[in-house]
Amino acid sequence: MKRRNRQKLKVLRYSKRRIKNREAEFRQKRRANWSELVPEIAFVLLKCKAIYERSPIDDIATEAAATYPASFEIHFDRRRIPDLALVLLTLDEAKKHEWGYVAGNWFKGWRLTKKGTAFARDVQRRRDHLRQRSAAPSAFQCLAA
């Protein structure tokens, strides 16, 4: 009977290499997610006109939910509301030295840095270009008409 208990309580042991691989994979997944959210929040700050003046978190969250509902919106009590926590975490990530696109905090508000403004305008240019390409009829559509 004691042998069975010992067998059930056996602790899984992972090699250091396997743990390092798992940690690297986790960091890559997390990084991939930030690489999507940080450009989105930079564009949202541009839309909030937070280039020279600071914008409060409520305005940023509302604009983020309107612009990117799949990323910055949650469902609560059968309503869609802006995800303030995710917006704040994304702003904090964009503020880090690695990105350097945003300056500010919860109390004073948030604004784009010079680097962030240039990046957000590039995001805006790319969005406009994609919209123009999707709005223009393709050669197949012209032949079909």
Protein backbone atom coordinates (compact mmCIF):
# COMPACT_ATOMS: atom_id res chain seq x y z
CA MET A 1 0.00 0.00 0.00
CA LYS A 2 2.82 2.37 0.81
CA ARG A 3 4.42 1.70 -2.55
CA ARG A 4 1.30 2.80 -4.39
CA ASN A 5 1.18 6.07 -2.46
CA ARG A 6 4.81 6.72 -3.25
CA GLN A 7 4.21 6.11 -6.91
CA LYS A 8 1.27 8.53 -6.97
CA LEU A 9 3.21 11.25 -5.19
CA LYS A 10 6.13 11.07 -7.57
CA VAL A 11 7.20 14.60 -8.48
CA LEU A 12 7.78 15.43 -12.11
CA ARG A 13 11.31 16.51 -12.79
CA TYR A 14 12.22 18.58 -15.81
CA SER A 15 15.67 19.19 -17.13
CA LYS A 16 17.13 22.68 -17.05
CA ARG A 17 17.19 22.74 -20.84
CA ARG A 18 13.49 21.93 -21.03
CA ILE A 19 12.64 24.64 -18.49
CA LYS A 20 14.72 27.19 -20.42
CA ASN A 21 12.99 26.23 -23.66
CA ARG A 22 9.57 26.64 -22.04
CA GLU A 23 10.53 30.03 -20.61
CA ALA A 24 11.84 31.20 -23.98
CA GLU A 25 8.65 30.02 -25.67
CA PHE A 26 6.54 31.87 -23.08
CA ARG A 27 8.56 35.06 -23.59
CA GLN A 28 8.18 34.80 -27.36
CA LYS A 29 4.40 34.37 -27.11
CA ARG A 30 4.14 37.30 -24.72
CA ARG A 31 6.37 39.40 -26.97
CA ALA A 32 4.29 38.55 -30.02
CA ASN A 33 1.19 39.76 -28.24
CA TRP A 34 2.84 43.05 -27.23
CA SER A 35 4.09 43.54 -30.77
CA GLU A 36 0.43 43.65 -31.85
CA LEU A 37 -0.95 45.75 -29.00
CA VAL A 38 1.74 48.45 -28.74
CA PRO A 39 1.31 49.73 -32.34
CA GLU A 40 -2.46 49.72 -31.83
CA ILE A 41 -2.23 51.80 -28.65
CA ALA A 42 0.20 54.22 -30.34
CA PHE A 43 -2.33 54.78 -33.13
CA VAL A 44 -5.11 55.24 -30.56
CA LEU A 45 -3.08 57.94 -28.81
CA LEU A 46 -2.62 59.67 -32.16
CA LYS A 47 -6.37 59.59 -32.67
CA CYS A 48 -6.84 61.05 -29.16
CA LYS A 49 -4.54 63.92 -30.19
CA ALA A 50 -2.14 63.05 -27.39
CA ILE A 51 0.89 64.45 -29.18
CA TYR A 52 1.33 67.64 -27.16
CA GLU A 53 -1.36 67.31 -24.49
CA ARG A 54 -1.82 64.40 -22.17
CA SER A 55 -4.91 62.28 -22.60
CA PRO A 56 -6.69 60.61 -19.63
CA ILE A 57 -6.92 56.82 -19.46
CA ASP A 58 -10.72 56.83 -19.86
CA ASP A 59 -10.54 58.62 -23.20
CA ILE A 60 -7.78 56.33 -24.41
CA ALA A 61 -9.68 53.20 -23.37
CA THR A 62 -12.88 54.37 -25.04
CA GLU A 63 -11.08 55.20 -28.28
CA ALA A 64 -9.12 51.92 -28.15
CA ALA A 65 -12.33 49.91 -27.76
CA ALA A 66 -13.94 51.81 -30.65
CA THR A 67 -10.92 51.44 -32.95
CA TYR A 68 -9.83 47.90 -32.02
CA PRO A 69 -12.84 46.18 -30.39
CA ALA A 70 -11.36 42.67 -30.69
CA SER A 71 -8.27 43.67 -28.70
CA PHE A 72 -9.39 46.22 -26.11
CA GLU A 73 -12.98 45.29 -25.31
CA ILE A 74 -14.45 42.87 -22.77
CA HIS A 75 -17.96 41.63 -22.16
CA PHE A 76 -19.43 42.31 -18.74
CA ASP A 77 -23.05 41.90 -17.73
CA ARG A 78 -24.09 41.50 -21.39
CA ARG A 79 -22.40 44.80 -22.29
CA ARG A 80 -19.21 45.60 -24.10
CA ILE A 81 -16.90 47.82 -22.11
CA PRO A 82 -13.30 49.01 -22.62
CA ASP A 83 -10.69 46.86 -20.90
CA LEU A 84 -8.94 49.46 -18.75
CA ALA A 85 -6.48 46.95 -17.31
CA LEU A 86 -5.25 45.82 -20.73
CA VAL A 87 -5.03 49.41 -21.96
CA LEU A 88 -3.00 50.37 -18.89
CA LEU A 89 -0.69 47.36 -19.26
CA THR A 90 -0.17 48.12 -22.94
CA LEU A 91 0.60 51.77 -22.19
CA ASP A 92 3.05 50.67 -19.52
CA GLU A 93 4.72 48.28 -21.99
CA ALA A 94 4.89 51.02 -24.65
CA LYS A 95 6.52 53.29 -22.07
CA LYS A 96 9.42 50.89 -21.46
CA HIS A 97 12.85 51.72 -22.85
CA GLU A 98 12.54 48.87 -25.35
CA TRP A 99 9.68 50.68 -27.15
CA GLY A 100 9.85 54.28 -25.94
CA TYR A 101 6.63 55.37 -27.68
CA VAL A 102 4.64 56.69 -24.71
CA ALA A 103 5.22 58.95 -21.71
CA GLY A 104 2.98 59.54 -18.73
CA ASN A 105 1.15 57.71 -15.98
CA TRP A 106 -2.34 57.01 -14.64
CA PHE A 107 -2.64 60.30 -12.75
CA LYS A 108 -1.18 62.82 -15.20
CA GLY A 109 -2.38 61.16 -18.39
CA TRP A 110 -0.55 59.73 -21.38
CA ARG A 111 1.05 61.23 -24.47
CA LEU A 112 3.18 60.09 -27.39
CA THR A 113 6.89 60.79 -27.49
CA LYS A 114 8.56 62.04 -30.69
CA LYS A 115 9.51 58.48 -31.55
CA GLY A 116 5.95 57.33 -30.76
CA THR A 117 4.42 60.08 -32.89
CA ALA A 118 6.50 59.09 -35.90
CA PHE A 119 5.62 55.44 -35.35
CA ALA A 120 1.88 56.17 -34.92
CA ARG A 121 1.84 58.22 -38.12
CA ASP A 122 3.49 55.29 -39.90
CA VAL A 123 0.77 52.98 -38.52
CA GLN A 124 -1.86 55.46 -39.74
CA ARG A 125 -0.27 55.59 -43.18
CA ARG A 126 -0.28 51.80 -43.41
CA ARG A 127 -3.92 51.59 -42.29
CA ASP A 128 -4.94 54.15 -44.89
CA HIS A 129 -3.00 52.26 -47.56
CA LEU A 130 -4.75 49.00 -46.64
CA ARG A 131 -8.15 50.68 -46.73
CA GLN A 132 -7.45 52.13 -50.17
CA ARG A 133 -6.35 48.73 -51.47
CA SER A 134 -9.46 47.03 -50.09
CA ALA A 135 -11.75 49.78 -51.45
CA ALA A 136 -10.25 49.73 -54.96
CA PRO A 137 -11.83 47.14 -57.25
CA SER A 138 -9.57 44.33 -58.35
CA ALA A 139 -8.97 43.41 -61.99
CA PHE A 140 -11.18 40.32 -61.58
CA GLN A 141 -14.05 42.47 -60.25
CA CYS A 142 -13.67 44.86 -63.22
CA LEU A 143 -13.82 41.97 -65.71
CA ALA A 144 -16.85 40.47 -63.98
CA ALA A 145 -18.79 43.73 -64.26
